[in-house]
Structures are given as C-alpha cells and as structure tokens.
Amino acid sequence: MSLALLVQNLKKKGPARPSFFPESDSWKRVLVTFIALIVYNFIFDFLGFALTTFLFVGFLVKFIFPQSWARTLVVAVSASILARLLFINFLETQLPKGF
C-alpha cells in the first residue's frame, strides 16, 4: 500500500500539500503564541491555574484567532472551568490556587 501511495504521489504535478504557513504573516502568530506560553509559565504560580488559563485562552481567542468579546469571554470562561474540573476535581492534581 505504501508503494502504491508513493507512486501515486510521484505522478502528481505541483506541491504535494499546502504550505505550513498559508498567510505571509502566520509566523508572527506562532511567535506571539510562544511568547504567551512563556508568560503563562511565569505568572502561573502567582495568579493560579484557573485565572492564568482564563487569561491565556482569552488572549488566544481574541488576538490570535480574532473573535468578538462575547465569544472570547464565553470560550475563556468555559475552557478555564472545564480545565479546572478536569485537572483539579477529576484527576485530583495539585495546581497553584494563586493569591
């Protein structure tokens, strides 16, 4: 089966798959998301798991994948509540509570 797929792909003309960065400024989103993850790591102990997760998800939804403020708040609150229920209540992991 692998040999058949290889032959089929070799017969195709043009790029085999779309570009990893479809837009010219996509690398900026990747860089900003990476920086946001570093900031998440630094403020995690101080602000706690739930608040830091809320801010991180809110940032991603609003600025990386632009959405309305209402949708941003709904997604950020939902994600932080579900993450808290999963990690703290269900899996019983010990995560920082914050100030």
Protein backbone atom coordinates (compact mmCIF):
# COMPACT_ATOMS: atom_id res chain seq x y z
CA MET A 1 0.00 0.00 0.00
CA SER A 2 2.87 2.37 0.81
CA LEU A 3 4.46 1.68 -2.53
CA ALA A 4 1.19 2.45 -4.34
CA LEU A 5 0.84 5.76 -2.46
CA LEU A 6 4.46 6.67 -3.23
CA VAL A 7 3.99 6.03 -6.95
CA GLN A 8 0.72 7.97 -6.94
CA ASN A 9 2.36 10.98 -5.25
CA LEU A 10 5.32 10.91 -7.62
CA LYS A 11 2.97 11.13 -10.61
CA LYS A 12 1.26 14.27 -9.25
CA LYS A 13 2.38 17.63 -10.52
CA GLY A 14 2.67 20.61 -8.17
CA PRO A 15 3.02 20.76 -4.40
CA ALA A 16 2.01 17.62 -2.52
CA ARG A 17 0.43 19.55 0.34
CA PRO A 18 -0.43 23.16 1.15
CA SER A 19 2.09 25.47 2.75
CA PHE A 20 2.51 25.21 6.53
CA PHE A 21 2.08 28.99 6.80
CA PRO A 22 -0.77 29.83 4.40
CA GLU A 23 -0.58 33.58 5.11
CA SER A 24 2.60 35.62 4.88
CA ASP A 25 2.37 36.81 8.49
CA SER A 26 1.43 33.45 10.05
CA TRP A 27 4.86 33.13 11.63
CA LYS A 28 4.02 36.18 13.77
CA ARG A 29 1.07 34.32 15.29
CA VAL A 30 3.29 31.38 16.11
CA LEU A 31 5.87 33.66 17.73
CA VAL A 32 3.26 35.57 19.77
CA THR A 33 1.69 32.29 20.92
CA PHE A 34 5.10 31.02 22.01
CA ILE A 35 5.76 34.22 23.95
CA ALA A 36 2.28 33.92 25.53
CA LEU A 37 3.16 30.40 26.68
CA ILE A 38 6.34 31.70 28.31
CA VAL A 39 4.36 34.44 30.08
CA TYR A 40 1.79 31.80 31.13
CA ASN A 41 4.61 29.84 32.75
CA PHE A 42 5.92 32.87 34.67
CA ILE A 43 2.56 34.04 36.05
CA PHE A 44 1.16 30.55 36.70
CA ASP A 45 2.25 30.31 40.36
CA PHE A 46 1.29 33.88 41.23
CA LEU A 47 -2.18 34.07 39.63
CA GLY A 48 -3.10 30.40 39.91
CA PHE A 49 -4.26 27.82 37.42
CA ALA A 50 -7.82 28.99 36.73
CA LEU A 51 -7.10 32.70 36.26
CA THR A 52 -3.94 32.14 34.22
CA THR A 53 -5.75 29.66 31.97
CA PHE A 54 -8.64 32.12 31.55
CA LEU A 55 -6.25 34.92 30.52
CA PHE A 56 -4.25 32.68 28.18
CA VAL A 57 -7.26 31.23 26.37
CA GLY A 58 -8.87 34.68 26.22
CA PHE A 59 -5.72 36.10 24.66
CA LEU A 60 -5.56 33.33 22.07
CA VAL A 61 -9.21 33.64 21.13
CA LYS A 62 -9.22 37.44 20.93
CA PHE A 63 -5.85 38.25 19.39
CA ILE A 64 -4.54 35.13 17.65
CA PHE A 65 -7.88 33.97 16.19
CA PRO A 66 -9.88 37.24 16.36
CA GLN A 67 -13.39 36.79 17.72
CA SER A 68 -15.95 39.08 19.35
CA TRP A 69 -15.58 39.94 23.03
CA ALA A 70 -18.69 37.96 23.91
CA ARG A 71 -17.38 34.81 22.23
CA THR A 72 -13.94 35.39 23.75
CA LEU A 73 -15.36 35.56 27.26
CA VAL A 74 -17.59 32.53 26.77
CA VAL A 75 -14.74 30.41 25.42
CA ALA A 76 -12.22 31.58 28.03
CA VAL A 77 -14.60 31.01 30.96
CA SER A 78 -15.70 27.64 29.60
CA ALA A 79 -12.13 26.49 28.99
CA SER A 80 -10.92 27.53 32.43
CA ILE A 81 -13.90 25.90 34.18
CA LEU A 82 -13.55 22.68 32.19
CA ALA A 83 -9.78 22.60 32.74
CA ARG A 84 -10.29 23.15 36.46
CA LEU A 85 -12.90 20.40 36.66
CA LEU A 86 -10.70 18.02 34.69
CA PHE A 87 -7.35 18.61 36.37
CA ILE A 88 -8.32 19.56 39.93
CA ASN A 89 -11.62 17.80 40.56
CA PHE A 90 -11.43 14.72 38.33
CA LEU A 91 -7.68 13.96 38.14
CA GLU A 92 -7.01 15.47 41.59
CA THR A 93 -3.75 17.14 40.56
CA GLN A 94 -2.28 19.81 42.80
CA LEU A 95 -2.12 23.09 40.93
CA PRO A 96 -1.47 26.59 42.29
CA LYS A 97 -4.54 28.40 43.57
CA GLY A 98 -2.99 31.85 43.22
CA PHE A 99 -3.04 34.83 45.53
